[in-house]
């Protein structure tokens, strides 16, 4: 691959802006869903996330393949759809996009919202008002880690067999398979927030770039879990992907 080819950097810019938009939109959705006084904030959040992912996939797919997620990029590399050098450029672009999206969100929210919801990132808990002052509510680290592992694997498995199978992608059409992937993401967010039934938990991230951006901008360590399971999920997916039809 020619690293200086215009198409490579055009695709990389699409990944930067696509991931930045994804982080800004999803984190805004998380904050607004839990700030809204409704009985089912997780359903609203999951629905809006599904729509957001679908729209961004449709927007970036013709340019870069619509990865906007390091785990998708690594899976594409393992299946031989992209080269190692292109994967490295994509992942760097996605991480930069995640940071830019978080910076943009930080610029428009007040400090109270930022502190309470950790910029809407991959949070396990939040600071909530209690009878004797602020209290931290949310999940234990172990629970969040297992949910992240399981849901990331399900997400990868679905993406491999829908988007990476050329025959199936052609048969379904771009709009349909992008919508299915968006629906899978929304369903996994809804399931993860429903089974835990914990206010402080923002749902599974399944995207290290999305988790990395808000954590670095706020100076936190919330990105360690998602990045830690990245290799595990992709190594499991590598074994499955060897039998993927081309």
C-alpha atoms as a PDB file:
ATOM      1  CA  UNK A   1       0.000   0.000   0.000  1.00  0.00           C
ATOM      2  CA  UNK A   2       1.310   3.459  -0.894  1.00  0.00           C
ATOM      3  CA  UNK A   3       1.078   5.459   2.328  1.00  0.00           C
ATOM      4  CA  UNK A   4       1.208   8.704   0.381  1.00  0.00           C
ATOM      5  CA  UNK A   5      -1.642   7.806  -1.937  1.00  0.00           C
ATOM      6  CA  UNK A   6      -4.474  10.337  -1.819  1.00  0.00           C
ATOM      7  CA  UNK A   7      -7.134   7.672  -1.242  1.00  0.00           C
ATOM      8  CA  UNK A   8      -5.387   6.414   1.911  1.00  0.00           C
ATOM      9  CA  UNK A   9      -5.413   9.823   3.566  1.00  0.00           C
ATOM     10  CA  UNK A  10      -8.874  10.603   2.266  1.00  0.00           C
ATOM     11  CA  UNK A  11     -10.106   7.417   3.952  1.00  0.00           C
ATOM     12  CA  UNK A  12      -8.158   8.259   7.111  1.00  0.00           C
ATOM     13  CA  UNK A  13      -9.773  11.690   7.311  1.00  0.00           C
ATOM     14  CA  UNK A  14     -13.161  10.021   6.953  1.00  0.00           C
ATOM     15  CA  UNK A  15     -12.263   7.821   9.932  1.00  0.00           C
ATOM     16  CA  UNK A  16     -11.134  10.846  11.965  1.00  0.00           C
ATOM     17  CA  UNK A  17     -14.286  12.872  11.366  1.00  0.00           C
ATOM     18  CA  UNK A  18     -16.565   9.828  11.479  1.00  0.00           C
ATOM     19  CA  UNK A  19     -15.196   8.724  14.850  1.00  0.00           C
ATOM     20  CA  UNK A  20     -15.223  12.291  16.202  1.00  0.00           C
ATOM     21  CA  UNK A  21     -18.872  12.653  15.228  1.00  0.00           C
ATOM     22  CA  UNK A  22     -19.659   9.244  16.708  1.00  0.00           C
ATOM     23  CA  UNK A  23     -18.055  10.096  20.057  1.00  0.00           C
ATOM     24  CA  UNK A  24     -19.682  13.529  20.239  1.00  0.00           C
ATOM     25  CA  UNK A  25     -23.127  12.179  19.301  1.00  0.00           C
ATOM     26  CA  UNK A  26     -23.078   9.024  21.440  1.00  0.00           C
ATOM     27  CA  UNK A  27     -21.750  10.765  24.531  1.00  0.00           C
ATOM     28  CA  UNK A  28     -24.323  13.532  24.109  1.00  0.00           C
ATOM     29  CA  UNK A  29     -27.029  10.869  23.817  1.00  0.00           C
ATOM     30  CA  UNK A  30     -25.837   9.171  27.016  1.00  0.00           C
ATOM     31  CA  UNK A  31     -25.886  12.435  28.973  1.00  0.00           C
ATOM     32  CA  UNK A  32     -29.221  13.683  27.642  1.00  0.00           C
ATOM     33  CA  UNK A  33     -30.918  10.288  28.090  1.00  0.00           C
ATOM     34  CA  UNK A  34     -30.061  10.094  31.766  1.00  0.00           C
ATOM     35  CA  UNK A  35     -30.760  13.783  32.338  1.00  0.00           C
ATOM     36  CA  UNK A  36     -34.262  13.382  30.854  1.00  0.00           C
ATOM     37  CA  UNK A  37     -36.879  12.448  33.423  1.00  0.00           C
ATOM     38  CA  UNK A  38     -38.339   9.391  31.676  1.00  0.00           C
ATOM     39  CA  UNK A  39     -39.088   5.859  32.839  1.00  0.00           C
ATOM     40  CA  UNK A  40     -37.019   4.220  30.094  1.00  0.00           C
ATOM     41  CA  UNK A  41     -33.902   6.329  29.450  1.00  0.00           C
ATOM     42  CA  UNK A  42     -31.966   3.250  28.324  1.00  0.00           C
ATOM     43  CA  UNK A  43     -34.497   2.515  25.566  1.00  0.00           C
ATOM     44  CA  UNK A  44     -34.283   6.079  24.274  1.00  0.00           C
ATOM     45  CA  UNK A  45     -30.491   5.962  24.462  1.00  0.00           C
ATOM     46  CA  UNK A  46     -30.247   2.618  22.634  1.00  0.00           C
ATOM     47  CA  UNK A  47     -32.617   3.741  19.869  1.00  0.00           C
ATOM     48  CA  UNK A  48     -30.745   6.988  19.241  1.00  0.00           C
ATOM     49  CA  UNK A  49     -27.386   5.200  19.304  1.00  0.00           C
ATOM     50  CA  UNK A  50     -28.635   2.668  16.733  1.00  0.00           C
ATOM     51  CA  UNK A  51     -29.745   5.497  14.433  1.00  0.00           C
ATOM     52  CA  UNK A  52     -26.476   7.388  14.905  1.00  0.00           C
ATOM     53  CA  UNK A  53     -24.302   4.367  14.122  1.00  0.00           C
ATOM     54  CA  UNK A  54     -26.382   3.543  11.034  1.00  0.00           C
ATOM     55  CA  UNK A  55     -26.151   7.087   9.647  1.00  0.00           C
ATOM     56  CA  UNK A  56     -22.391   7.325  10.237  1.00  0.00           C
ATOM     57  CA  UNK A  57     -21.764   3.919   8.666  1.00  0.00           C
ATOM     58  CA  UNK A  58     -23.692   4.980   5.581  1.00  0.00           C
ATOM     59  CA  UNK A  59     -21.739   8.252   5.449  1.00  0.00           C
ATOM     60  CA  UNK A  60     -18.245   6.770   5.808  1.00  0.00           C
ATOM     61  CA  UNK A  61     -18.638   3.392   4.086  1.00  0.00           C
ATOM     62  CA  UNK A  62     -18.096   4.653   0.505  1.00  0.00           C
ATOM     63  CA  UNK A  63     -14.881   6.444   1.547  1.00  0.00           C
ATOM     64  CA  UNK A  64     -13.121   4.268   4.131  1.00  0.00           C
ATOM     65  CA  UNK A  65     -15.273   1.180   4.534  1.00  0.00           C
ATOM     66  CA  UNK A  66     -17.079   2.641   7.551  1.00  0.00           C
ATOM     67  CA  UNK A  67     -14.899   1.226  10.331  1.00  0.00           C
ATOM     68  CA  UNK A  68     -14.956   4.083  12.915  1.00  0.00           C
ATOM     69  CA  UNK A  69     -13.930   1.477  15.502  1.00  0.00           C
ATOM     70  CA  UNK A  70     -10.486  -0.089  16.151  1.00  0.00           C
ATOM     71  CA  UNK A  71     -11.945  -3.554  16.777  1.00  0.00           C
ATOM     72  CA  UNK A  72     -13.577  -3.520  13.334  1.00  0.00           C
ATOM     73  CA  UNK A  73     -10.307  -2.386  11.773  1.00  0.00           C
ATOM     74  CA  UNK A  74      -8.337  -5.171  13.461  1.00  0.00           C
ATOM     75  CA  UNK A  75     -10.932  -7.735  12.422  1.00  0.00           C
ATOM     76  CA  UNK A  76     -10.697  -6.495   8.823  1.00  0.00           C
ATOM     77  CA  UNK A  77      -6.927  -6.842   9.031  1.00  0.00           C
ATOM     78  CA  UNK A  78      -7.155 -10.399  10.384  1.00  0.00           C
ATOM     79  CA  UNK A  79      -9.495 -11.398   7.560  1.00  0.00           C
ATOM     80  CA  UNK A  80      -7.149  -9.915   4.979  1.00  0.00           C
ATOM     81  CA  UNK A  81      -9.512  -7.168   3.836  1.00  0.00           C
ATOM     82  CA  UNK A  82      -6.985  -4.426   4.624  1.00  0.00           C
ATOM     83  CA  UNK A  83      -3.219  -4.350   5.078  1.00  0.00           C
ATOM     84  CA  UNK A  84      -1.414  -3.952   8.404  1.00  0.00           C
ATOM     85  CA  UNK A  85      -0.190  -0.472   7.446  1.00  0.00           C
ATOM     86  CA  UNK A  86      -3.693   0.696   6.505  1.00  0.00           C
ATOM     87  CA  UNK A  87      -5.036  -0.763   9.762  1.00  0.00           C
ATOM     88  CA  UNK A  88      -2.417   1.156  11.757  1.00  0.00           C
ATOM     89  CA  UNK A  89      -3.322   4.428  10.012  1.00  0.00           C
ATOM     90  CA  UNK A  90      -7.042   3.795  10.554  1.00  0.00           C
ATOM     91  CA  UNK A  91      -6.608   3.046  14.268  1.00  0.00           C
ATOM     92  CA  UNK A  92      -4.493   6.175  14.761  1.00  0.00           C
ATOM     93  CA  UNK A  93      -7.146   8.195  12.915  1.00  0.00           C
ATOM     94  CA  UNK A  94      -9.917   6.699  15.060  1.00  0.00           C
ATOM     95  CA  UNK A  95      -8.092   7.503  18.306  1.00  0.00           C
ATOM     96  CA  UNK A  96      -7.505  11.077  17.143  1.00  0.00           C
ATOM     97  CA  UNK A  97     -11.173  11.310  16.191  1.00  0.00           C
ATOM     98  CA  UNK A  98     -12.231  10.022  19.603  1.00  0.00           C
ATOM     99  CA  UNK A  99     -10.160  12.692  21.332  1.00  0.00           C
ATOM    100  CA  UNK A 100     -11.458  15.453  19.038  1.00  0.00           C
ATOM    101  CA  UNK A 101     -15.057  14.386  19.654  1.00  0.00           C
ATOM    102  CA  UNK A 102     -14.529  14.450  23.414  1.00  0.00           C
ATOM    103  CA  UNK A 103     -12.856  17.869  23.236  1.00  0.00           C
ATOM    104  CA  UNK A 104     -15.776  19.217  21.214  1.00  0.00           C
ATOM    105  CA  UNK A 105     -18.245  17.893  23.783  1.00  0.00           C
ATOM    106  CA  UNK A 106     -16.239  19.322  26.676  1.00  0.00           C
ATOM    107  CA  UNK A 107     -16.354  22.725  24.995  1.00  0.00           C
ATOM    108  CA  UNK A 108     -20.167  22.818  24.995  1.00  0.00           C
ATOM    109  CA  UNK A 109     -21.174  21.205  28.318  1.00  0.00           C
ATOM    110  CA  UNK A 110     -20.926  22.802  31.731  1.00  0.00           C
ATOM    111  CA  UNK A 111     -18.476  21.544  34.331  1.00  0.00           C
ATOM    112  CA  UNK A 112     -21.210  19.962  36.476  1.00  0.00           C
ATOM    113  CA  UNK A 113     -22.431  17.752  33.633  1.00  0.00           C
ATOM    114  CA  UNK A 114     -18.853  16.889  32.701  1.00  0.00           C
ATOM    115  CA  UNK A 115     -18.043  15.853  36.262  1.00  0.00           C
ATOM    116  CA  UNK A 116     -21.283  13.950  36.871  1.00  0.00           C
ATOM    117  CA  UNK A 117     -21.323  11.934  33.646  1.00  0.00           C
ATOM    118  CA  UNK A 118     -17.584  11.804  32.861  1.00  0.00           C
ATOM    119  CA  UNK A 119     -18.356  13.374  29.466  1.00  0.00           C
ATOM    120  CA  UNK A 120     -20.716  10.497  28.710  1.00  0.00           C
ATOM    121  CA  UNK A 121     -17.840   8.119  28.030  1.00  0.00           C
ATOM    122  CA  UNK A 122     -17.551   4.432  28.894  1.00  0.00           C
ATOM    123  CA  UNK A 123     -18.532   5.020  32.495  1.00  0.00           C
ATOM    124  CA  UNK A 124     -19.209   2.397  35.130  1.00  0.00           C
ATOM    125  CA  UNK A 125     -20.565   4.884  37.665  1.00  0.00           C
ATOM    126  CA  UNK A 126     -21.600   8.490  38.155  1.00  0.00           C
ATOM    127  CA  UNK A 127     -21.845  10.942  41.037  1.00  0.00           C
ATOM    128  CA  UNK A 128     -25.481  11.249  42.140  1.00  0.00           C
ATOM    129  CA  UNK A 129     -27.146  13.275  44.901  1.00  0.00           C
ATOM    130  CA  UNK A 130     -27.782  11.311  48.092  1.00  0.00           C
ATOM    131  CA  UNK A 131     -29.503  11.967  51.428  1.00  0.00           C
ATOM    132  CA  UNK A 132     -26.189  12.842  53.056  1.00  0.00           C
ATOM    133  CA  UNK A 133     -24.465  14.392  50.065  1.00  0.00           C
ATOM    134  CA  UNK A 134     -23.161  13.164  46.702  1.00  0.00           C
ATOM    135  CA  UNK A 135     -22.771   9.399  46.298  1.00  0.00           C
ATOM    136  CA  UNK A 136     -21.245   7.237  43.575  1.00  0.00           C
ATOM    137  CA  UNK A 137     -23.674   4.795  41.917  1.00  0.00           C
ATOM    138  CA  UNK A 138     -22.908   2.249  39.228  1.00  0.00           C
ATOM    139  CA  UNK A 139     -21.333  -1.123  38.482  1.00  0.00           C
ATOM    140  CA  UNK A 140     -18.414  -3.022  39.912  1.00  0.00           C
ATOM    141  CA  UNK A 141     -15.386  -3.203  37.624  1.00  0.00           C
ATOM    142  CA  UNK A 142     -15.702  -6.978  37.209  1.00  0.00           C
ATOM    143  CA  UNK A 143     -19.308  -6.738  36.033  1.00  0.00           C
ATOM    144  CA  UNK A 144     -18.464  -4.054  33.513  1.00  0.00           C
ATOM    145  CA  UNK A 145     -15.488  -6.023  32.205  1.00  0.00           C
ATOM    146  CA  UNK A 146     -17.504  -9.195  31.586  1.00  0.00           C
ATOM    147  CA  UNK A 147     -20.284  -7.269  29.868  1.00  0.00           C
ATOM    148  CA  UNK A 148     -17.720  -5.532  27.672  1.00  0.00           C
ATOM    149  CA  UNK A 149     -16.058  -8.823  26.717  1.00  0.00           C
ATOM    150  CA  UNK A 150     -19.303 -10.617  25.873  1.00  0.00           C
ATOM    151  CA  UNK A 151     -20.977  -7.753  24.016  1.00  0.00           C
ATOM    152  CA  UNK A 152     -17.846  -6.839  22.051  1.00  0.00           C
ATOM    153  CA  UNK A 153     -17.524 -10.434  20.877  1.00  0.00           C
ATOM    154  CA  UNK A 154     -21.198 -10.558  19.833  1.00  0.00           C
ATOM    155  CA  UNK A 155     -20.779  -7.252  18.002  1.00  0.00           C
ATOM    156  CA  UNK A 156     -17.687  -8.498  16.180  1.00  0.00           C
ATOM    157  CA  UNK A 157     -19.278 -11.811  15.285  1.00  0.00           C
ATOM    158  CA  UNK A 158     -22.303 -10.042  13.802  1.00  0.00           C
ATOM    159  CA  UNK A 159     -20.161  -7.575  11.865  1.00  0.00           C
ATOM    160  CA  UNK A 160     -17.941 -10.293  10.401  1.00  0.00           C
ATOM    161  CA  UNK A 161     -20.808 -12.327   8.987  1.00  0.00           C
ATOM    162  CA  UNK A 162     -22.832  -9.357   7.744  1.00  0.00           C
ATOM    163  CA  UNK A 163     -20.406  -6.724   6.488  1.00  0.00           C
ATOM    164  CA  UNK A 164     -17.282  -8.761   5.663  1.00  0.00           C
ATOM    165  CA  UNK A 165     -19.075 -11.387   3.577  1.00  0.00           C
ATOM    166  CA  UNK A 166     -19.080  -9.766   0.142  1.00  0.00           C
ATOM    167  CA  UNK A 167     -21.910 -11.921  -1.210  1.00  0.00           C
ATOM    168  CA  UNK A 168     -24.174 -11.222   1.733  1.00  0.00           C
ATOM    169  CA  UNK A 169     -23.342  -7.513   1.711  1.00  0.00           C
ATOM    170  CA  UNK A 170     -24.292  -7.289  -1.972  1.00  0.00           C
ATOM    171  CA  UNK A 171     -27.469  -9.311  -1.446  1.00  0.00           C
ATOM    172  CA  UNK A 172     -28.624  -7.181   1.489  1.00  0.00           C
ATOM    173  CA  UNK A 173     -27.560  -3.821   0.108  1.00  0.00           C
ATOM    174  CA  UNK A 174     -25.595  -1.093   1.874  1.00  0.00           C
ATOM    175  CA  UNK A 175     -28.548   0.503   3.654  1.00  0.00           C
ATOM    176  CA  UNK A 176     -29.798  -2.812   5.037  1.00  0.00           C
ATOM    177  CA  UNK A 177     -26.513  -4.160   6.376  1.00  0.00           C
ATOM    178  CA  UNK A 178     -25.512  -0.782   7.866  1.00  0.00           C
ATOM    179  CA  UNK A 179     -28.933  -0.659   9.539  1.00  0.00           C
ATOM    180  CA  UNK A 180     -28.490  -4.190  10.895  1.00  0.00           C
ATOM    181  CA  UNK A 181     -25.111  -3.332  12.412  1.00  0.00           C
ATOM    182  CA  UNK A 182     -26.574  -0.151  13.942  1.00  0.00           C
ATOM    183  CA  UNK A 183     -29.434  -2.213  15.345  1.00  0.00           C
ATOM    184  CA  UNK A 184     -26.987  -4.728  16.843  1.00  0.00           C
ATOM    185  CA  UNK A 185     -25.092  -1.918  18.590  1.00  0.00           C
ATOM    186  CA  UNK A 186     -28.320  -0.404  19.923  1.00  0.00           C
ATOM    187  CA  UNK A 187     -29.596  -3.775  21.137  1.00  0.00           C
ATOM    188  CA  UNK A 188     -26.357  -4.548  22.973  1.00  0.00           C
ATOM    189  CA  UNK A 189     -26.413  -1.144  24.675  1.00  0.00           C
ATOM    190  CA  UNK A 190     -30.048  -1.697  25.659  1.00  0.00           C
ATOM    191  CA  UNK A 191     -29.392  -5.232  26.937  1.00  0.00           C
ATOM    192  CA  UNK A 192     -26.322  -4.206  28.936  1.00  0.00           C
ATOM    193  CA  UNK A 193     -28.146  -1.330  30.638  1.00  0.00           C
ATOM    194  CA  UNK A 194     -31.301  -3.395  31.223  1.00  0.00           C
ATOM    195  CA  UNK A 195     -29.701  -6.458  32.836  1.00  0.00           C
ATOM    196  CA  UNK A 196     -27.674  -4.273  35.185  1.00  0.00           C
ATOM    197  CA  UNK A 197     -30.517  -1.832  35.967  1.00  0.00           C
ATOM    198  CA  UNK A 198     -27.963   0.604  37.358  1.00  0.00           C
ATOM    199  CA  UNK A 199     -28.262   4.333  36.767  1.00  0.00           C
ATOM    200  CA  UNK A 200     -24.558   5.114  36.717  1.00  0.00           C
ATOM    201  CA  UNK A 201     -23.709   2.615  33.979  1.00  0.00           C
ATOM    202  CA  UNK A 202     -23.678   4.048  30.436  1.00  0.00           C
ATOM    203  CA  UNK A 203     -23.812   0.673  28.686  1.00  0.00           C
ATOM    204  CA  UNK A 204     -21.155  -1.258  26.811  1.00  0.00           C
ATOM    205  CA  UNK A 205     -18.681   0.775  24.788  1.00  0.00           C
ATOM    206  CA  UNK A 206     -17.477  -1.851  22.255  1.00  0.00           C
ATOM    207  CA  UNK A 207     -15.249   0.856  20.806  1.00  0.00           C
ATOM    208  CA  UNK A 208     -11.875   1.696  22.409  1.00  0.00           C
ATOM    209  CA  UNK A 209     -11.680   4.997  20.505  1.00  0.00           C
ATOM    210  CA  UNK A 210     -14.980   6.115  22.015  1.00  0.00           C
ATOM    211  CA  UNK A 211     -13.790   5.151  25.502  1.00  0.00           C
ATOM    212  CA  UNK A 212     -10.305   6.584  25.046  1.00  0.00           C
ATOM    213  CA  UNK A 213     -11.360  10.094  24.009  1.00  0.00           C
ATOM    214  CA  UNK A 214     -13.424  11.151  27.059  1.00  0.00           C
ATOM    215  CA  UNK A 215     -11.035   9.368  29.445  1.00  0.00           C
ATOM    216  CA  UNK A 216      -7.953  11.177  28.135  1.00  0.00           C
ATOM    217  CA  UNK A 217      -9.717  14.540  27.959  1.00  0.00           C
ATOM    218  CA  UNK A 218     -10.841  14.187  31.576  1.00  0.00           C
ATOM    219  CA  UNK A 219      -7.590  12.567  32.722  1.00  0.00           C
ATOM    220  CA  UNK A 220      -9.315   9.360  33.849  1.00  0.00           C
ATOM    221  CA  UNK A 221      -8.499   5.676  33.500  1.00  0.00           C
ATOM    222  CA  UNK A 222     -11.777   4.411  32.065  1.00  0.00           C
ATOM    223  CA  UNK A 223     -10.065   3.346  28.854  1.00  0.00           C
ATOM    224  CA  UNK A 224      -8.026   0.532  30.438  1.00  0.00           C
ATOM    225  CA  UNK A 225     -10.825  -2.032  30.447  1.00  0.00           C
ATOM    226  CA  UNK A 226     -11.951  -1.595  26.813  1.00  0.00           C
ATOM    227  CA  UNK A 227      -8.370  -1.529  25.527  1.00  0.00           C
ATOM    228  CA  UNK A 228      -7.500  -4.565  27.618  1.00  0.00           C
ATOM    229  CA  UNK A 229     -10.251  -6.673  26.085  1.00  0.00           C
ATOM    230  CA  UNK A 230      -9.555  -5.432  22.565  1.00  0.00           C
ATOM    231  CA  UNK A 231      -6.875  -8.034  21.956  1.00  0.00           C
ATOM    232  CA  UNK A 232      -8.939 -10.804  23.559  1.00  0.00           C
ATOM    233  CA  UNK A 233     -12.035 -10.178  21.464  1.00  0.00           C
ATOM    234  CA  UNK A 234     -10.081  -9.795  18.231  1.00  0.00           C
ATOM    235  CA  UNK A 235      -8.004 -12.908  18.850  1.00  0.00           C
ATOM    236  CA  UNK A 236     -11.201 -14.927  19.334  1.00  0.00           C
ATOM    237  CA  UNK A 237     -12.651 -13.320  16.227  1.00  0.00           C
ATOM    238  CA  UNK A 238      -9.532 -14.189  14.253  1.00  0.00           C
ATOM    239  CA  UNK A 239     -10.260 -17.860  14.639  1.00  0.00           C
ATOM    240  CA  UNK A 240     -13.817 -17.372  13.407  1.00  0.00           C
ATOM    241  CA  UNK A 241     -12.818 -15.092  10.557  1.00  0.00           C
ATOM    242  CA  UNK A 242     -10.610 -17.685   8.848  1.00  0.00           C
ATOM    243  CA  UNK A 243     -13.771 -19.427   7.667  1.00  0.00           C
ATOM    244  CA  UNK A 244     -15.486 -16.241   6.507  1.00  0.00           C
ATOM    245  CA  UNK A 245     -16.662 -16.502   2.875  1.00  0.00           C
ATOM    246  CA  UNK A 246     -15.205 -13.930   0.469  1.00  0.00           C
END
